[in-house]
Amino acid sequence: MTHDEILQVVQAHKQGHKIEYRELYLREHGHWIPADTPDLWDFRNRRYRVSDEPIKPREWIIVLCQGQVVGPSIFIGGDLRSESVRVREVIE
């Protein structure tokens, strides 16, 4: 993070905004985690952000065969003709 980004996150925390972090070694694959105690800043190993940023929910389908779950697959869109369940993640 740059100095300006660090100052922006710390000032947002000071103003009462919720902060999230992600471990840097996970890069873009890590989930954002609420920073419940951001007083213990670790800018060397974590990236921080103000949690007001929109989070896109994930969607997928679960394929059923004779009433048994065959396996999940990524939902790309289109027609669900076979017996399947469309799942959308709920983010609160």
PDB file of N, CA and C in Angstrom:
ATOM      1  N   MET A   1       0.843  -1.182   0.000  1.00  0.00           N
ATOM      2  CA  MET A   1       0.000   0.000   0.000  1.00  0.00           C
ATOM      3  C   MET A   1       0.886   1.242   0.000  1.00  0.00           C
ATOM      4  N   THR A   2       0.411   2.268  -0.670  1.00  0.00           N
ATOM      5  CA  THR A   2       1.156   3.522  -0.678  1.00  0.00           C
ATOM      6  C   THR A   2       0.877   4.279   0.621  1.00  0.00           C
ATOM      7  N   HIS A   3       1.688   5.300   0.872  1.00  0.00           N
ATOM      8  CA  HIS A   3       1.470   6.118   2.065  1.00  0.00           C
ATOM      9  C   HIS A   3       0.074   6.748   2.059  1.00  0.00           C
ATOM     10  N   ASP A   4      -0.364   7.220   0.898  1.00  0.00           N
ATOM     11  CA  ASP A   4      -1.687   7.841   0.797  1.00  0.00           C
ATOM     12  C   ASP A   4      -2.809   6.835   1.082  1.00  0.00           C
ATOM     13  N   GLU A   5      -2.661   5.594   0.589  1.00  0.00           N
ATOM     14  CA  GLU A   5      -3.661   4.565   0.860  1.00  0.00           C
ATOM     15  C   GLU A   5      -3.717   4.218   2.347  1.00  0.00           C
ATOM     16  N   ILE A   6      -2.552   4.137   2.975  1.00  0.00           N
ATOM     17  CA  ILE A   6      -2.490   3.845   4.409  1.00  0.00           C
ATOM     18  C   ILE A   6      -3.179   4.953   5.198  1.00  0.00           C
ATOM     19  N   LEU A   7      -2.872   6.204   4.870  1.00  0.00           N
ATOM     20  CA  LEU A   7      -3.486   7.333   5.570  1.00  0.00           C
ATOM     21  C   LEU A   7      -4.998   7.353   5.364  1.00  0.00           C
ATOM     22  N   GLN A   8      -5.447   7.038   4.162  1.00  0.00           N
ATOM     23  CA  GLN A   8      -6.879   7.032   3.863  1.00  0.00           C
ATOM     24  C   GLN A   8      -7.605   5.983   4.713  1.00  0.00           C
ATOM     25  N   VAL A   9      -7.045   4.782   4.838  1.00  0.00           N
ATOM     26  CA  VAL A   9      -7.679   3.718   5.616  1.00  0.00           C
ATOM     27  C   VAL A   9      -7.671   4.053   7.101  1.00  0.00           C
ATOM     28  N   VAL A  10      -6.553   4.562   7.602  1.00  0.00           N
ATOM     29  CA  VAL A  10      -6.464   4.903   9.028  1.00  0.00           C
ATOM     30  C   VAL A  10      -7.420   6.047   9.361  1.00  0.00           C
ATOM     31  N   GLN A  11      -7.525   7.047   8.487  1.00  0.00           N
ATOM     32  CA  GLN A  11      -8.457   8.144   8.723  1.00  0.00           C
ATOM     33  C   GLN A  11      -9.904   7.657   8.680  1.00  0.00           C
ATOM     34  N   ALA A  12     -10.216   6.736   7.772  1.00  0.00           N
ATOM     35  CA  ALA A  12     -11.564   6.177   7.706  1.00  0.00           C
ATOM     36  C   ALA A  12     -11.877   5.412   8.991  1.00  0.00           C
ATOM     37  N   HIS A  13     -10.905   4.682   9.516  1.00  0.00           N
ATOM     38  CA  HIS A  13     -11.089   3.969  10.788  1.00  0.00           C
ATOM     39  C   HIS A  13     -11.329   4.959  11.921  1.00  0.00           C
ATOM     40  N   LYS A  14     -10.584   6.044  11.923  1.00  0.00           N
ATOM     41  CA  LYS A  14     -10.728   7.078  12.955  1.00  0.00           C
ATOM     42  C   LYS A  14     -12.124   7.703  12.900  1.00  0.00           C
ATOM     43  N   GLN A  15     -12.706   7.799  11.700  1.00  0.00           N
ATOM     44  CA  GLN A  15     -14.043   8.374  11.524  1.00  0.00           C
ATOM     45  C   GLN A  15     -15.147   7.354  11.801  1.00  0.00           C
ATOM     46  N   GLY A  16     -14.775   6.115  12.144  1.00  0.00           N
ATOM     47  CA  GLY A  16     -15.771   5.119  12.508  1.00  0.00           C
ATOM     48  C   GLY A  16     -16.172   4.142  11.421  1.00  0.00           C
ATOM     49  N   HIS A  17     -15.532   4.214  10.258  1.00  0.00           N
ATOM     50  CA  HIS A  17     -15.848   3.277   9.179  1.00  0.00           C
ATOM     51  C   HIS A  17     -15.282   1.900   9.507  1.00  0.00           C
ATOM     52  N   LYS A  18     -15.980   0.864   9.014  1.00  0.00           N
ATOM     53  CA  LYS A  18     -15.483  -0.494   9.193  1.00  0.00           C
ATOM     54  C   LYS A  18     -14.370  -0.758   8.185  1.00  0.00           C
ATOM     55  N   ILE A  19     -13.360  -1.498   8.634  1.00  0.00           N
ATOM     56  CA  ILE A  19     -12.186  -1.783   7.819  1.00  0.00           C
ATOM     57  C   ILE A  19     -12.097  -3.292   7.589  1.00  0.00           C
ATOM     58  N   GLU A  20     -11.638  -3.670   6.398  1.00  0.00           N
ATOM     59  CA  GLU A  20     -11.402  -5.072   6.068  1.00  0.00           C
ATOM     60  C   GLU A  20      -9.950  -5.231   5.630  1.00  0.00           C
ATOM     61  N   TYR A  21      -9.447  -6.466   5.752  1.00  0.00           N
ATOM     62  CA  TYR A  21      -8.096  -6.742   5.290  1.00  0.00           C
ATOM     63  C   TYR A  21      -8.042  -8.066   4.544  1.00  0.00           C
ATOM     64  N   ARG A  22      -6.971  -8.235   3.783  1.00  0.00           N
ATOM     65  CA  ARG A  22      -6.701  -9.479   3.062  1.00  0.00           C
ATOM     66  C   ARG A  22      -5.206  -9.726   3.157  1.00  0.00           C
ATOM     67  N   GLU A  23      -4.833 -10.967   3.414  1.00  0.00           N
ATOM     68  CA  GLU A  23      -3.421 -11.329   3.495  1.00  0.00           C
ATOM     69  C   GLU A  23      -2.777 -11.135   2.128  1.00  0.00           C
ATOM     70  N   LEU A  24      -1.621 -10.479   2.087  1.00  0.00           N
ATOM     71  CA  LEU A  24      -0.979 -10.182   0.808  1.00  0.00           C
ATOM     72  C   LEU A  24      -0.508 -11.426   0.072  1.00  0.00           C
ATOM     73  N   TYR A  25      -0.095 -12.461   0.798  1.00  0.00           N
ATOM     74  CA  TYR A  25       0.411 -13.654   0.119  1.00  0.00           C
ATOM     75  C   TYR A  25      -0.688 -14.375  -0.666  1.00  0.00           C
ATOM     76  N   LEU A  26      -1.964 -14.099  -0.362  1.00  0.00           N
ATOM     77  CA  LEU A  26      -3.071 -14.707  -1.100  1.00  0.00           C
ATOM     78  C   LEU A  26      -3.418 -13.933  -2.368  1.00  0.00           C
ATOM     79  N   ARG A  27      -2.879 -12.743  -2.500  1.00  0.00           N
ATOM     80  CA  ARG A  27      -3.134 -11.848  -3.637  1.00  0.00           C
ATOM     81  C   ARG A  27      -4.626 -11.635  -3.840  1.00  0.00           C
ATOM     82  N   GLU A  28      -5.127 -11.790  -5.055  1.00  0.00           N
ATOM     83  CA  GLU A  28      -6.547 -11.567  -5.318  1.00  0.00           C
ATOM     84  C   GLU A  28      -7.426 -12.749  -4.920  1.00  0.00           C
ATOM     85  N   HIS A  29      -6.829 -13.863  -4.502  1.00  0.00           N
ATOM     86  CA  HIS A  29      -7.611 -15.064  -4.192  1.00  0.00           C
ATOM     87  C   HIS A  29      -8.135 -15.076  -2.766  1.00  0.00           C
ATOM     88  N   GLY A  30      -7.614 -14.229  -1.916  1.00  0.00           N
ATOM     89  CA  GLY A  30      -8.054 -14.207  -0.529  1.00  0.00           C
ATOM     90  C   GLY A  30      -9.346 -13.432  -0.350  1.00  0.00           C
ATOM     91  N   HIS A  31     -10.119 -13.831   0.649  1.00  0.00           N
ATOM     92  CA  HIS A  31     -11.356 -13.123   0.964  1.00  0.00           C
ATOM     93  C   HIS A  31     -11.044 -11.941   1.866  1.00  0.00           C
ATOM     94  N   TRP A  32     -11.844 -10.905   1.765  1.00  0.00           N
ATOM     95  CA  TRP A  32     -11.720  -9.758   2.655  1.00  0.00           C
ATOM     96  C   TRP A  32     -12.309 -10.149   4.010  1.00  0.00           C
ATOM     97  N   ILE A  33     -11.575  -9.874   5.068  1.00  0.00           N
ATOM     98  CA  ILE A  33     -11.952 -10.250   6.427  1.00  0.00           C
ATOM     99  C   ILE A  33     -12.173  -8.978   7.237  1.00  0.00           C
ATOM    100  N   PRO A  34     -13.262  -8.911   8.011  1.00  0.00           N
ATOM    101  CA  PRO A  34     -13.465  -7.728   8.856  1.00  0.00           C
ATOM    102  C   PRO A  34     -12.305  -7.567   9.842  1.00  0.00           C
ATOM    103  N   ALA A  35     -11.780  -6.369   9.922  1.00  0.00           N
ATOM    104  CA  ALA A  35     -10.682  -6.076  10.853  1.00  0.00           C
ATOM    105  C   ALA A  35     -11.314  -5.625  12.161  1.00  0.00           C
ATOM    106  N   ASP A  36     -11.609  -6.582  13.028  1.00  0.00           N
ATOM    107  CA  ASP A  36     -12.272  -6.270  14.299  1.00  0.00           C
ATOM    108  C   ASP A  36     -11.381  -5.449  15.223  1.00  0.00           C
ATOM    109  N   THR A  37     -10.078  -5.666  15.141  1.00  0.00           N
ATOM    110  CA  THR A  37      -9.129  -4.899  15.969  1.00  0.00           C
ATOM    111  C   THR A  37      -8.071  -4.277  15.064  1.00  0.00           C
ATOM    112  N   PRO A  38      -8.461  -3.292  14.229  1.00  0.00           N
ATOM    113  CA  PRO A  38      -7.485  -2.710  13.314  1.00  0.00           C
ATOM    114  C   PRO A  38      -6.441  -1.841  13.996  1.00  0.00           C
ATOM    115  N   ASP A  39      -6.483  -1.748  15.330  1.00  0.00           N
ATOM    116  CA  ASP A  39      -5.426  -1.009  16.018  1.00  0.00           C
ATOM    117  C   ASP A  39      -4.090  -1.739  15.885  1.00  0.00           C
ATOM    118  N   LEU A  40      -4.146  -3.022  15.516  1.00  0.00           N
ATOM    119  CA  LEU A  40      -2.937  -3.808  15.299  1.00  0.00           C
ATOM    120  C   LEU A  40      -2.660  -3.873  13.796  1.00  0.00           C
ATOM    121  N   TRP A  41      -2.306  -2.740  13.214  1.00  0.00           N
ATOM    122  CA  TRP A  41      -2.086  -2.654  11.767  1.00  0.00           C
ATOM    123  C   TRP A  41      -0.864  -3.481  11.375  1.00  0.00           C
ATOM    124  N   ASP A  42      -0.931  -4.154  10.234  1.00  0.00           N
ATOM    125  CA  ASP A  42       0.183  -4.933   9.700  1.00  0.00           C
ATOM    126  C   ASP A  42       0.263  -4.671   8.195  1.00  0.00           C
ATOM    127  N   PHE A  43       0.775  -3.502   7.830  1.00  0.00           N
ATOM    128  CA  PHE A  43       0.799  -3.101   6.424  1.00  0.00           C
ATOM    129  C   PHE A  43       1.823  -3.884   5.613  1.00  0.00           C
ATOM    130  N   ARG A  44       2.737  -4.550   6.266  1.00  0.00           N
ATOM    131  CA  ARG A  44       3.734  -5.346   5.549  1.00  0.00           C
ATOM    132  C   ARG A  44       3.116  -6.629   4.996  1.00  0.00           C
ATOM    133  N   ASN A  45       2.176  -7.235   5.740  1.00  0.00           N
ATOM    134  CA  ASN A  45       1.626  -8.532   5.357  1.00  0.00           C
ATOM    135  C   ASN A  45       0.151  -8.503   4.965  1.00  0.00           C
ATOM    136  N   ARG A  46      -0.500  -7.366   5.112  1.00  0.00           N
ATOM    137  CA  ARG A  46      -1.930  -7.271   4.820  1.00  0.00           C
ATOM    138  C   ARG A  46      -2.241  -6.038   3.991  1.00  0.00           C
ATOM    139  N   ARG A  47      -3.300  -6.151   3.194  1.00  0.00           N
ATOM    140  CA  ARG A  47      -3.839  -5.001   2.468  1.00  0.00           C
ATOM    141  C   ARG A  47      -5.167  -4.658   3.127  1.00  0.00           C
ATOM    142  N   TYR A  48      -5.393  -3.382   3.367  1.00  0.00           N
ATOM    143  CA  TYR A  48      -6.600  -2.924   4.046  1.00  0.00           C
ATOM    144  C   TYR A  48      -7.462  -2.111   3.086  1.00  0.00           C
ATOM    145  N   ARG A  49      -8.767  -2.083   3.395  1.00  0.00           N
ATOM    146  CA  ARG A  49      -9.693  -1.246   2.640  1.00  0.00           C
ATOM    147  C   ARG A  49     -10.863  -0.877   3.546  1.00  0.00           C
ATOM    148  N   VAL A  50     -11.579   0.170   3.144  1.00  0.00           N
ATOM    149  CA  VAL A  50     -12.815   0.544   3.818  1.00  0.00           C
ATOM    150  C   VAL A  50     -13.875  -0.438   3.331  1.00  0.00           C
ATOM    151  N   SER A  51     -14.628  -1.028   4.249  1.00  0.00           N
ATOM    152  CA  SER A  51     -15.525  -2.123   3.887  1.00  0.00           C
ATOM    153  C   SER A  51     -16.793  -1.677   3.169  1.00  0.00           C
ATOM    154  N   ASP A  52     -16.943  -0.412   2.878  1.00  0.00           N
ATOM    155  CA  ASP A  52     -18.114   0.076   2.153  1.00  0.00           C
ATOM    156  C   ASP A  52     -18.066  -0.284   0.670  1.00  0.00           C
ATOM    157  N   GLU A  53     -16.949  -0.852   0.212  1.00  0.00           N
ATOM    158  CA  GLU A  53     -16.850  -1.214  -1.186  1.00  0.00           C
ATOM    159  C   GLU A  53     -17.827  -2.344  -1.483  1.00  0.00           C
ATOM    160  N   PRO A  54     -18.517  -2.289  -2.613  1.00  0.00           N
ATOM    161  CA  PRO A  54     -19.489  -3.350  -2.922  1.00  0.00           C
ATOM    162  C   PRO A  54     -18.792  -4.688  -3.145  1.00  0.00           C
ATOM    163  N   ILE A  55     -19.439  -5.744  -2.667  1.00  0.00           N
ATOM    164  CA  ILE A  55     -18.926  -7.090  -2.835  1.00  0.00           C
ATOM    165  C   ILE A  55     -19.897  -7.841  -3.736  1.00  0.00           C
ATOM    166  N   LYS A  56     -19.396  -8.430  -4.806  1.00  0.00           N
ATOM    167  CA  LYS A  56     -20.239  -9.143  -5.750  1.00  0.00           C
ATOM    168  C   LYS A  56     -20.490 -10.560  -5.229  1.00  0.00           C
ATOM    169  N   PRO A  57     -21.767 -10.963  -5.105  1.00  0.00           N
ATOM    170  CA  PRO A  57     -22.056 -12.332  -4.644  1.00  0.00           C
ATOM    171  C   PRO A  57     -21.685 -13.359  -5.708  1.00  0.00           C
ATOM    172  N   ARG A  58     -21.269 -14.536  -5.250  1.00  0.00           N
ATOM    173  CA  ARG A  58     -20.945 -15.625  -6.166  1.00  0.00           C
ATOM    174  C   ARG A  58     -22.220 -16.403  -6.491  1.00  0.00           C
ATOM    175  N   GLU A  59     -22.261 -16.981  -7.700  1.00  0.00           N
ATOM    176  CA  GLU A  59     -23.383 -17.812  -8.117  1.00  0.00           C
ATOM    177  C   GLU A  59     -22.838 -19.113  -8.687  1.00  0.00           C
ATOM    178  N   TRP A  60     -23.566 -20.207  -8.450  1.00  0.00           N
ATOM    179  CA  TRP A  60     -23.209 -21.487  -9.023  1.00  0.00           C
ATOM    180  C   TRP A  60     -24.435 -22.373  -9.051  1.00  0.00           C
ATOM    181  N   ILE A  61     -24.314 -23.534  -9.699  1.00  0.00           N
ATOM    182  CA  ILE A  61     -25.419 -24.496  -9.703  1.00  0.00           C
ATOM    183  C   ILE A  61     -24.935 -25.786  -9.053  1.00  0.00           C
ATOM    184  N   ILE A  62     -25.864 -26.483  -8.433  1.00  0.00           N
ATOM    185  CA  ILE A  62     -25.594 -27.806  -7.894  1.00  0.00           C
ATOM    186  C   ILE A  62     -26.391 -28.777  -8.744  1.00  0.00           C
ATOM    187  N   VAL A  63     -25.702 -29.715  -9.374  1.00  0.00           N
ATOM    188  CA  VAL A  63     -26.331 -30.664 -10.279  1.00  0.00           C
ATOM    189  C   VAL A  63     -26.787 -31.880  -9.485  1.00  0.00           C
ATOM    190  N   LEU A  64     -28.050 -32.294  -9.724  1.00  0.00           N
ATOM    191  CA  LEU A  64     -28.618 -33.455  -9.040  1.00  0.00           C
ATOM    192  C   LEU A  64     -28.818 -34.593 -10.042  1.00  0.00           C
ATOM    193  N   CYS A  65     -28.529 -35.798  -9.612  1.00  0.00           N
ATOM    194  CA  CYS A  65     -28.753 -36.976 -10.426  1.00  0.00           C
ATOM    195  C   CYS A  65     -29.426 -38.014  -9.543  1.00  0.00           C
ATOM    196  N   GLN A  66     -30.672 -38.371  -9.833  1.00  0.00           N
ATOM    197  CA  GLN A  66     -31.470 -39.304  -9.041  1.00  0.00           C
ATOM    198  C   GLN A  66     -31.550 -38.856  -7.579  1.00  0.00           C
ATOM    199  N   GLY A  67     -31.704 -37.561  -7.380  1.00  0.00           N
ATOM    200  CA  GLY A  67     -31.848 -37.005  -6.042  1.00  0.00           C
ATOM    201  C   GLY A  67     -30.554 -36.858  -5.271  1.00  0.00           C
ATOM    202  N   GLN A  68     -29.417 -37.218  -5.855  1.00  0.00           N
ATOM    203  CA  GLN A  68     -28.116 -37.108  -5.189  1.00  0.00           C
ATOM    204  C   GLN A  68     -27.319 -35.968  -5.815  1.00  0.00           C
ATOM    205  N   VAL A  69     -26.549 -35.292  -4.993  1.00  0.00           N
ATOM    206  CA  VAL A  69     -25.707 -34.203  -5.489  1.00  0.00           C
ATOM    207  C   VAL A  69     -24.541 -34.805  -6.246  1.00  0.00           C
ATOM    208  N   VAL A  70     -24.421 -34.444  -7.522  1.00  0.00           N
ATOM    209  CA  VAL A  70     -23.316 -34.916  -8.352  1.00  0.00           C
ATOM    210  C   VAL A  70     -22.095 -34.041  -8.113  1.00  0.00           C
ATOM    211  N   GLY A  71     -22.318 -32.764  -8.026  1.00  0.00           N
ATOM    212  CA  GLY A  71     -21.201 -31.860  -7.775  1.00  0.00           C
ATOM    213  C   GLY A  71     -21.545 -30.452  -8.163  1.00  0.00           C
ATOM    214  N   PRO A  72     -20.877 -29.499  -7.544  1.00  0.00           N
ATOM    215  CA  PRO A  72     -21.106 -28.094  -7.898  1.00  0.00           C
ATOM    216  C   PRO A  72     -20.345 -27.729  -9.166  1.00  0.00           C
ATOM    217  N   SER A  73     -20.844 -26.754  -9.863  1.00  0.00           N
ATOM    218  CA  SER A  73     -20.123 -26.217 -11.012  1.00  0.00           C
ATOM    219  C   SER A  73     -20.374 -24.720 -11.070  1.00  0.00           C
ATOM    220  N   ILE A  74     -19.533 -24.028 -11.762  1.00  0.00           N
ATOM    221  CA  ILE A  74     -19.653 -22.575 -11.858  1.00  0.00           C
ATOM    222  C   ILE A  74     -20.849 -22.230 -12.738  1.00  0.00           C
ATOM    223  N   PHE A  75     -21.677 -21.325 -12.274  1.00  0.00           N
ATOM    224  CA  PHE A  75     -22.842 -20.896 -13.054  1.00  0.00           C
ATOM    225  C   PHE A  75     -22.423 -19.798 -14.009  1.00  0.00           C
ATOM    226  N   ILE A  76     -22.572 -20.079 -15.285  1.00  0.00           N
ATOM    227  CA  ILE A  76     -22.198 -19.110 -16.306  1.00  0.00           C
ATOM    228  C   ILE A  76     -23.430 -18.428 -16.874  1.00  0.00           C
ATOM    229  N   GLY A  77     -24.586 -18.992 -16.653  1.00  0.00           N
ATOM    230  CA  GLY A  77     -25.817 -18.449 -17.205  1.00  0.00           C
ATOM    231  C   GLY A  77     -26.413 -19.424 -18.200  1.00  0.00           C
ATOM    232  N   GLY A  78     -27.574 -19.106 -18.687  1.00  0.00           N
ATOM    233  CA  GLY A  78     -28.223 -19.971 -19.662  1.00  0.00           C
ATOM    234  C   GLY A  78     -29.357 -20.757 -19.053  1.00  0.00           C
ATOM    235  N   ASP A  79     -29.785 -21.774 -19.762  1.00  0.00           N
ATOM    236  CA  ASP A  79     -30.950 -22.578 -19.392  1.00  0.00           C
ATOM    237  C   ASP A  79     -30.538 -23.752 -18.511  1.00  0.00           C
ATOM    238  N   LEU A  80     -31.266 -23.959 -17.407  1.00  0.00           N
ATOM    239  CA  LEU A  80     -31.000 -25.070 -16.507  1.00  0.00           C
ATOM    240  C   LEU A  80     -32.031 -26.164 -16.789  1.00  0.00           C
ATOM    241  N   ARG A  81     -31.805 -26.991 -17.800  1.00  0.00           N
ATOM    242  CA  ARG A  81     -32.781 -27.999 -18.211  1.00  0.00           C
ATOM    243  C   ARG A  81     -32.718 -29.252 -17.347  1.00  0.00           C
ATOM    244  N   SER A  82     -31.546 -29.649 -16.876  1.00  0.00           N
ATOM    245  CA  SER A  82     -31.448 -30.833 -16.039  1.00  0.00           C
ATOM    246  C   SER A  82     -31.884 -30.477 -14.625  1.00  0.00           C
ATOM    247  N   GLU A  83     -31.994 -31.484 -13.775  1.00  0.00           N
ATOM    248  CA  GLU A  83     -32.395 -31.251 -12.392  1.00  0.00           C
ATOM    249  C   GLU A  83     -31.216 -30.601 -11.660  1.00  0.00           C
ATOM    250  N   SER A  84     -31.381 -29.365 -11.290  1.00  0.00           N
ATOM    251  CA  SER A  84     -30.291 -28.632 -10.654  1.00  0.00           C
ATOM    252  C   SER A  84     -30.859 -27.523  -9.770  1.00  0.00           C
ATOM    253  N   VAL A  85     -30.009 -26.995  -8.937  1.00  0.00           N
ATOM    254  CA  VAL A  85     -30.387 -25.907  -8.022  1.00  0.00           C
ATOM    255  C   VAL A  85     -29.420 -24.757  -8.255  1.00  0.00           C
ATOM    256  N   ARG A  86     -29.975 -23.579  -8.490  1.00  0.00           N
ATOM    257  CA  ARG A  86     -29.145 -22.389  -8.646  1.00  0.00           C
ATOM    258  C   ARG A  86     -28.938 -21.788  -7.260  1.00  0.00           C
ATOM    259  N   VAL A  87     -27.689 -21.488  -6.937  1.00  0.00           N
ATOM    260  CA  VAL A  87     -27.336 -20.974  -5.607  1.00  0.00           C
ATOM    261  C   VAL A  87     -26.702 -19.609  -5.773  1.00  0.00           C
ATOM    262  N   ARG A  88     -27.122 -18.672  -4.921  1.00  0.00           N
ATOM    263  CA  ARG A  88     -26.509 -17.342  -4.911  1.00  0.00           C
ATOM    264  C   ARG A  88     -26.100 -17.035  -3.486  1.00  0.00           C
ATOM    265  N   GLU A  89     -24.865 -16.612  -3.319  1.00  0.00           N
ATOM    266  CA  GLU A  89     -24.323 -16.277  -2.013  1.00  0.00           C
ATOM    267  C   GLU A  89     -25.011 -15.042  -1.460  1.00  0.00           C
ATOM    268  N   VAL A  90     -25.347 -15.071  -0.172  1.00  0.00           N
ATOM    269  CA  VAL A  90     -25.944 -13.922   0.484  1.00  0.00           C
ATOM    270  C   VAL A  90     -24.854 -13.214   1.276  1.00  0.00           C
ATOM    271  N   ILE A  91     -24.673 -11.927   1.010  1.00  0.00           N
ATOM    272  CA  ILE A  91     -23.652 -11.134   1.700  1.00  0.00           C
ATOM    273  C   ILE A  91     -24.363 -10.096   2.535  1.00  0.00           C
ATOM    274  N   GLU A  92     -24.098 -10.122   3.826  1.00  0.00           N
ATOM    275  CA  GLU A  92     -24.737  -9.169   4.739  1.00  0.00           C
ATOM    276  C   GLU A  92     -23.772  -8.075   5.110  1.00  0.00           C
TER     277      GLU A  92
END
